[in-house]
Amino acid sequence: EIIDESNPKLLIDHEKCCYCMLCVIVCPNDAFHENIEPEGSIDLNEFPTIRNFYKIDLDKCIEDKKSKICILCLDVRERNNVEEYHKIQKDCPADCFFIDSPINGVVTIKKNMLHKCDPHGCKIIFIETK
């Protein structure tokens, strides 16, 4: 299969990838999924994962299975899809969902670094910790 402008793909270098799943968390189009099974063991002290981009006050959370926002929130928590975070924070019936960055330091968005992963143009995040 030839990769060109008519057949855009994102290739992951599995020799360099630390499986932190940042790509899954930050992708605005939910294009990545967590079904990767790396070969061998990964030293999480060397390559720690980042935590979620939200906090939930579990004492206030009602997880109402009849509420569209609660159902969306439960789904988002399972997939770590940031696209719906603002809607959930705004419409949460228990006012218990809060967007929170797991990254300390300055976050810089670099445009068009992964432009082939999505025809509409993706962004990649580089993290500078200070």
N, C-alpha and C. Protein backbone atom coordinates (compact mmCIF):
# COMPACT_ATOMS: atom_id res chain seq x y z
N GLU A 1 0.85 -1.18 0.00
CA GLU A 1 0.00 0.00 0.00
C GLU A 1 0.89 1.24 0.00
N ILE A 2 0.68 2.12 -0.93
CA ILE A 2 1.49 3.32 -1.07
C ILE A 2 0.84 4.46 -0.29
N ILE A 3 1.65 5.14 0.48
CA ILE A 3 1.16 6.28 1.26
C ILE A 3 1.45 7.54 0.46
N ASP A 4 0.41 8.26 0.11
CA ASP A 4 0.57 9.54 -0.59
C ASP A 4 -0.58 10.45 -0.18
N GLU A 5 -0.73 11.58 -0.86
CA GLU A 5 -1.77 12.54 -0.48
C GLU A 5 -3.18 11.95 -0.62
N SER A 6 -3.36 10.99 -1.55
CA SER A 6 -4.69 10.40 -1.73
C SER A 6 -4.98 9.31 -0.69
N ASN A 7 -3.95 8.86 0.00
CA ASN A 7 -4.10 7.79 0.98
C ASN A 7 -3.31 8.15 2.24
N PRO A 8 -3.74 9.21 2.96
CA PRO A 8 -2.95 9.64 4.13
C PRO A 8 -3.02 8.64 5.26
N LYS A 9 -1.89 8.42 5.88
CA LYS A 9 -1.78 7.53 7.03
C LYS A 9 -0.86 8.18 8.05
N LEU A 10 -1.00 7.77 9.27
CA LEU A 10 -0.06 8.17 10.30
C LEU A 10 0.71 6.93 10.69
N LEU A 11 2.02 7.00 10.57
CA LEU A 11 2.85 5.86 10.93
C LEU A 11 3.48 6.11 12.29
N ILE A 12 3.42 5.13 13.15
CA ILE A 12 4.02 5.24 14.47
C ILE A 12 5.27 4.40 14.49
N ASP A 13 6.37 5.01 14.90
CA ASP A 13 7.63 4.29 15.02
C ASP A 13 7.60 3.55 16.36
N HIS A 14 7.29 2.27 16.32
CA HIS A 14 7.13 1.50 17.56
C HIS A 14 8.45 1.28 18.29
N GLU A 15 9.56 1.54 17.63
CA GLU A 15 10.85 1.47 18.31
C GLU A 15 11.03 2.66 19.25
N LYS A 16 10.43 3.81 18.88
CA LYS A 16 10.58 5.03 19.68
C LYS A 16 9.36 5.31 20.55
N CYS A 17 8.21 4.76 20.20
CA CYS A 17 6.97 5.02 20.93
C CYS A 17 7.07 4.45 22.34
N CYS A 18 6.68 5.25 23.34
CA CYS A 18 6.71 4.78 24.73
C CYS A 18 5.32 4.39 25.21
N TYR A 19 4.32 4.44 24.33
CA TYR A 19 2.94 4.05 24.64
C TYR A 19 2.37 4.87 25.80
N CYS A 20 2.68 6.15 25.81
CA CYS A 20 2.13 7.03 26.85
C CYS A 20 0.66 7.34 26.59
N MET A 21 0.20 7.11 25.38
CA MET A 21 -1.18 7.32 24.94
C MET A 21 -1.57 8.79 24.89
N LEU A 22 -0.60 9.69 24.86
CA LEU A 22 -0.90 11.11 24.69
C LEU A 22 -1.62 11.34 23.37
N CYS A 23 -1.25 10.60 22.33
CA CYS A 23 -1.91 10.75 21.03
C CYS A 23 -3.40 10.44 21.14
N VAL A 24 -3.75 9.43 21.92
CA VAL A 24 -5.14 9.05 22.12
C VAL A 24 -5.89 10.15 22.85
N ILE A 25 -5.25 10.73 23.83
CA ILE A 25 -5.90 11.73 24.67
C ILE A 25 -6.09 13.05 23.94
N VAL A 26 -5.08 13.50 23.19
CA VAL A 26 -5.15 14.83 22.60
C VAL A 26 -5.74 14.88 21.21
N CYS A 27 -5.93 13.76 20.54
CA CYS A 27 -6.44 13.78 19.17
C CYS A 27 -7.87 14.34 19.16
N PRO A 28 -8.10 15.48 18.48
CA PRO A 28 -9.43 16.09 18.49
C PRO A 28 -10.46 15.29 17.70
N ASN A 29 -10.01 14.35 16.89
CA ASN A 29 -10.93 13.57 16.06
C ASN A 29 -11.12 12.14 16.54
N ASP A 30 -10.58 11.81 17.71
CA ASP A 30 -10.70 10.47 18.28
C ASP A 30 -10.25 9.41 17.28
N ALA A 31 -9.13 9.70 16.60
CA ALA A 31 -8.63 8.80 15.56
C ALA A 31 -7.78 7.67 16.11
N PHE A 32 -7.32 7.81 17.34
CA PHE A 32 -6.47 6.78 17.94
C PHE A 32 -7.28 5.97 18.93
N HIS A 33 -6.92 4.72 19.08
CA HIS A 33 -7.60 3.86 20.03
C HIS A 33 -6.57 3.10 20.85
N GLU A 34 -6.95 2.70 22.05
CA GLU A 34 -6.02 2.12 23.01
C GLU A 34 -5.88 0.61 22.87
N ASN A 35 -5.98 0.08 21.67
CA ASN A 35 -5.90 -1.37 21.51
C ASN A 35 -4.51 -1.83 21.07
N ILE A 36 -3.50 -1.07 21.42
CA ILE A 36 -2.12 -1.42 21.07
C ILE A 36 -1.59 -2.39 22.11
N GLU A 37 -0.98 -3.46 21.66
CA GLU A 37 -0.36 -4.42 22.56
C GLU A 37 1.12 -4.48 22.23
N PRO A 38 1.94 -3.70 22.93
CA PRO A 38 3.37 -3.67 22.61
C PRO A 38 4.05 -4.99 22.95
N GLU A 39 5.11 -5.27 22.21
CA GLU A 39 5.90 -6.46 22.51
C GLU A 39 6.86 -6.14 23.65
N GLY A 40 7.09 -7.09 24.53
CA GLY A 40 8.02 -6.87 25.63
C GLY A 40 7.42 -6.01 26.71
N SER A 41 8.20 -5.71 27.71
CA SER A 41 7.71 -4.91 28.82
C SER A 41 8.15 -3.46 28.66
N ILE A 42 7.37 -2.58 29.24
CA ILE A 42 7.66 -1.15 29.19
C ILE A 42 7.95 -0.68 30.61
N ASP A 43 9.05 0.01 30.79
CA ASP A 43 9.41 0.55 32.09
C ASP A 43 8.64 1.86 32.29
N LEU A 44 7.59 1.82 33.10
CA LEU A 44 6.76 3.00 33.28
C LEU A 44 7.47 4.09 34.07
N ASN A 45 8.55 3.76 34.76
CA ASN A 45 9.34 4.82 35.41
C ASN A 45 10.12 5.60 34.36
N GLU A 46 10.52 4.91 33.29
CA GLU A 46 11.24 5.58 32.21
C GLU A 46 10.27 6.32 31.29
N PHE A 47 9.09 5.73 31.06
CA PHE A 47 8.09 6.31 30.17
C PHE A 47 6.75 6.36 30.89
N PRO A 48 6.58 7.28 31.83
CA PRO A 48 5.31 7.33 32.55
C PRO A 48 4.19 7.83 31.66
N THR A 49 2.99 7.35 31.89
CA THR A 49 1.85 7.86 31.15
C THR A 49 1.37 9.13 31.82
N ILE A 50 0.60 9.92 31.09
CA ILE A 50 0.02 11.11 31.71
C ILE A 50 -1.38 10.75 32.21
N ARG A 51 -1.82 11.46 33.19
CA ARG A 51 -3.15 11.17 33.73
C ARG A 51 -4.21 11.85 32.86
N ASN A 52 -5.45 11.70 33.23
CA ASN A 52 -6.56 12.25 32.45
C ASN A 52 -6.56 13.77 32.44
N PHE A 53 -7.25 14.33 31.45
CA PHE A 53 -7.39 15.77 31.30
C PHE A 53 -8.64 16.28 32.02
N TYR A 54 -9.13 15.54 32.99
CA TYR A 54 -10.32 15.97 33.72
C TYR A 54 -10.24 15.47 35.16
N LYS A 55 -11.05 16.09 36.00
CA LYS A 55 -11.24 15.61 37.37
C LYS A 55 -12.75 15.50 37.58
N ILE A 56 -13.13 14.55 38.40
CA ILE A 56 -14.54 14.36 38.73
C ILE A 56 -14.69 14.32 40.24
N ASP A 57 -15.61 15.13 40.75
CA ASP A 57 -15.94 15.08 42.17
C ASP A 57 -16.90 13.90 42.36
N LEU A 58 -16.35 12.76 42.73
CA LEU A 58 -17.15 11.53 42.82
C LEU A 58 -18.22 11.60 43.91
N ASP A 59 -18.04 12.48 44.89
CA ASP A 59 -19.06 12.63 45.93
C ASP A 59 -20.33 13.26 45.36
N LYS A 60 -20.18 14.09 44.32
CA LYS A 60 -21.32 14.77 43.70
C LYS A 60 -21.85 14.03 42.47
N CYS A 61 -21.02 13.18 41.86
CA CYS A 61 -21.37 12.52 40.59
C CYS A 61 -22.56 11.57 40.79
N ILE A 62 -23.54 11.67 39.87
CA ILE A 62 -24.75 10.84 39.99
C ILE A 62 -24.80 9.70 38.97
N GLU A 63 -23.99 9.76 37.93
CA GLU A 63 -23.94 8.74 36.87
C GLU A 63 -25.34 8.28 36.47
N ASP A 64 -26.19 9.24 36.14
CA ASP A 64 -27.58 8.96 35.75
C ASP A 64 -27.60 8.32 34.36
N LYS A 65 -27.98 7.05 34.29
CA LYS A 65 -27.98 6.31 33.02
C LYS A 65 -29.06 6.80 32.05
N LYS A 66 -29.95 7.68 32.52
CA LYS A 66 -30.98 8.25 31.66
C LYS A 66 -30.58 9.61 31.10
N SER A 67 -29.55 10.20 31.65
CA SER A 67 -29.09 11.52 31.22
C SER A 67 -28.10 11.38 30.07
N LYS A 68 -28.36 12.10 28.97
CA LYS A 68 -27.46 12.05 27.81
C LYS A 68 -26.06 12.53 28.18
N ILE A 69 -25.97 13.55 29.02
CA ILE A 69 -24.65 14.07 29.42
C ILE A 69 -23.91 13.05 30.28
N CYS A 70 -24.60 12.40 31.19
CA CYS A 70 -23.96 11.37 32.03
C CYS A 70 -23.48 10.20 31.18
N ILE A 71 -24.30 9.78 30.23
CA ILE A 71 -23.90 8.69 29.34
C ILE A 71 -22.68 9.09 28.53
N LEU A 72 -22.68 10.33 28.01
CA LEU A 72 -21.53 10.83 27.26
C LEU A 72 -20.29 10.88 28.16
N CYS A 73 -20.46 11.33 29.38
CA CYS A 73 -19.34 11.42 30.32
C CYS A 73 -18.75 10.04 30.61
N LEU A 74 -19.59 9.06 30.84
CA LEU A 74 -19.11 7.70 31.10
C LEU A 74 -18.34 7.16 29.89
N ASP A 75 -18.84 7.44 28.70
CA ASP A 75 -18.18 7.00 27.47
C ASP A 75 -16.84 7.71 27.29
N VAL A 76 -16.82 9.01 27.55
CA VAL A 76 -15.60 9.81 27.41
C VAL A 76 -14.54 9.34 28.40
N ARG A 77 -14.95 9.03 29.62
CA ARG A 77 -13.99 8.54 30.62
C ARG A 77 -13.34 7.25 30.17
N GLU A 78 -14.10 6.39 29.55
CA GLU A 78 -13.56 5.11 29.09
C GLU A 78 -12.58 5.31 27.94
N ARG A 79 -12.86 6.27 27.04
CA ARG A 79 -12.03 6.45 25.85
C ARG A 79 -11.04 7.60 25.96
N ASN A 80 -11.11 8.41 27.00
CA ASN A 80 -10.25 9.60 27.15
C ASN A 80 -10.36 10.53 25.96
N ASN A 81 -11.55 10.73 25.44
CA ASN A 81 -11.77 11.59 24.28
C ASN A 81 -12.02 13.02 24.74
N VAL A 82 -11.08 13.91 24.48
CA VAL A 82 -11.17 15.28 24.98
C VAL A 82 -12.17 16.14 24.23
N GLU A 83 -12.61 15.69 23.07
CA GLU A 83 -13.48 16.51 22.22
C GLU A 83 -14.75 16.96 22.93
N GLU A 84 -15.32 16.14 23.80
CA GLU A 84 -16.59 16.45 24.46
C GLU A 84 -16.43 17.06 25.85
N TYR A 85 -15.21 17.27 26.31
CA TYR A 85 -15.00 17.73 27.69
C TYR A 85 -15.71 19.05 28.00
N HIS A 86 -15.64 20.02 27.09
CA HIS A 86 -16.27 21.33 27.37
C HIS A 86 -17.78 21.19 27.49
N LYS A 87 -18.39 20.39 26.62
CA LYS A 87 -19.84 20.17 26.68
C LYS A 87 -20.22 19.51 28.01
N ILE A 88 -19.46 18.50 28.41
CA ILE A 88 -19.77 17.80 29.67
C ILE A 88 -19.61 18.75 30.85
N GLN A 89 -18.52 19.51 30.89
CA GLN A 89 -18.31 20.44 32.00
C GLN A 89 -19.44 21.46 32.06
N LYS A 90 -19.87 21.96 30.90
CA LYS A 90 -20.92 22.98 30.85
C LYS A 90 -22.29 22.43 31.26
N ASP A 91 -22.61 21.19 30.82
CA ASP A 91 -23.96 20.66 31.00
C ASP A 91 -24.10 19.58 32.08
N CYS A 92 -23.04 19.29 32.81
CA CYS A 92 -23.10 18.24 33.84
C CYS A 92 -24.20 18.57 34.86
N PRO A 93 -25.19 17.66 35.04
CA PRO A 93 -26.29 17.96 35.95
C PRO A 93 -25.86 18.04 37.42
N ALA A 94 -24.75 17.43 37.77
CA ALA A 94 -24.27 17.46 39.16
C ALA A 94 -23.13 18.45 39.34
N ASP A 95 -22.74 19.13 38.27
CA ASP A 95 -21.65 20.11 38.31
C ASP A 95 -20.40 19.50 38.97
N CYS A 96 -20.03 18.30 38.51
CA CYS A 96 -18.92 17.59 39.15
C CYS A 96 -17.76 17.28 38.20
N PHE A 97 -17.88 17.64 36.91
CA PHE A 97 -16.85 17.35 35.91
C PHE A 97 -16.06 18.63 35.63
N PHE A 98 -14.73 18.54 35.76
CA PHE A 98 -13.88 19.71 35.57
C PHE A 98 -12.71 19.37 34.65
N ILE A 99 -12.48 20.20 33.66
CA ILE A 99 -11.32 20.02 32.78
C ILE A 99 -10.08 20.41 33.56
N ASP A 100 -9.06 19.57 33.45
CA ASP A 100 -7.83 19.79 34.21
C ASP A 100 -6.66 19.23 33.41
N SER A 101 -5.65 20.03 33.18
CA SER A 101 -4.49 19.56 32.42
C SER A 101 -3.58 18.71 33.31
N PRO A 102 -3.17 17.54 32.80
CA PRO A 102 -2.25 16.69 33.57
C PRO A 102 -0.79 17.08 33.37
N ILE A 103 -0.57 18.13 32.59
CA ILE A 103 0.79 18.50 32.20
C ILE A 103 1.23 19.74 32.95
N ASN A 104 2.37 19.66 33.63
CA ASN A 104 2.94 20.82 34.28
C ASN A 104 3.86 21.51 33.29
N GLY A 105 3.90 22.82 33.32
CA GLY A 105 4.79 23.55 32.42
C GLY A 105 4.01 24.17 31.27
N VAL A 106 4.73 24.65 30.28
CA VAL A 106 4.14 25.33 29.14
C VAL A 106 3.83 24.30 28.06
N VAL A 107 2.61 24.34 27.52
CA VAL A 107 2.22 23.45 26.43
C VAL A 107 2.14 24.27 25.16
N THR A 108 2.86 23.84 24.14
CA THR A 108 2.87 24.55 22.86
C THR A 108 2.23 23.66 21.81
N ILE A 109 1.24 24.19 21.11
CA ILE A 109 0.60 23.44 20.03
C ILE A 109 1.36 23.73 18.74
N LYS A 110 1.82 22.70 18.08
CA LYS A 110 2.51 22.84 16.80
C LYS A 110 1.54 22.42 15.71
N LYS A 111 1.20 23.32 14.82
CA LYS A 111 0.24 23.02 13.76
C LYS A 111 0.90 22.28 12.61
N ASN A 112 0.13 21.41 12.00
CA ASN A 112 0.50 20.70 10.78
C ASN A 112 1.71 19.79 10.92
N MET A 113 2.07 19.42 12.12
CA MET A 113 3.19 18.49 12.28
C MET A 113 2.76 17.07 11.89
N LEU A 114 1.50 16.75 12.10
CA LEU A 114 0.99 15.43 11.72
C LEU A 114 -0.12 15.59 10.69
N HIS A 115 0.12 16.46 9.70
CA HIS A 115 -0.95 16.82 8.77
C HIS A 115 -1.49 15.64 7.98
N LYS A 116 -0.74 14.57 7.85
CA LYS A 116 -1.23 13.44 7.06
C LYS A 116 -2.17 12.53 7.84
N CYS A 117 -2.28 12.71 9.15
CA CYS A 117 -3.15 11.80 9.91
C CYS A 117 -4.61 12.12 9.71
N ASP A 118 -4.91 13.33 9.25
CA ASP A 118 -6.29 13.73 9.07
C ASP A 118 -6.36 14.76 7.96
N PRO A 119 -7.24 14.60 6.98
CA PRO A 119 -7.30 15.56 5.88
C PRO A 119 -7.61 16.99 6.33
N HIS A 120 -8.21 17.15 7.51
CA HIS A 120 -8.55 18.49 8.00
C HIS A 120 -7.39 19.14 8.75
N GLY A 121 -6.34 18.38 9.00
CA GLY A 121 -5.16 18.94 9.68
C GLY A 121 -5.15 18.67 11.16
N CYS A 122 -4.23 17.85 11.60
CA CYS A 122 -4.07 17.55 13.03
C CYS A 122 -3.09 18.51 13.67
N LYS A 123 -2.99 18.42 14.95
CA LYS A 123 -2.01 19.18 15.71
C LYS A 123 -1.25 18.19 16.58
N ILE A 124 -0.04 18.53 16.92
CA ILE A 124 0.73 17.70 17.84
C ILE A 124 1.17 18.59 18.99
N ILE A 125 1.28 18.04 20.16
CA ILE A 125 1.68 18.81 21.33
C ILE A 125 3.10 18.46 21.71
N PHE A 126 3.91 19.48 21.91
CA PHE A 126 5.24 19.30 22.48
C PHE A 126 5.21 19.91 23.87
N ILE A 127 5.78 19.26 24.82
CA ILE A 127 5.71 19.70 26.20
C ILE A 127 7.07 20.21 26.65
N GLU A 128 7.07 21.43 27.17
CA GLU A 128 8.28 21.99 27.78
C GLU A 128 8.00 22.11 29.27
N THR A 129 8.72 21.41 30.08
CA THR A 129 8.53 21.55 31.52
C THR A 129 9.58 22.50 32.06
N LYS A 130 9.15 23.36 32.95
CA LYS A 130 10.06 24.35 33.53
C LYS A 130 10.08 24.23 35.02
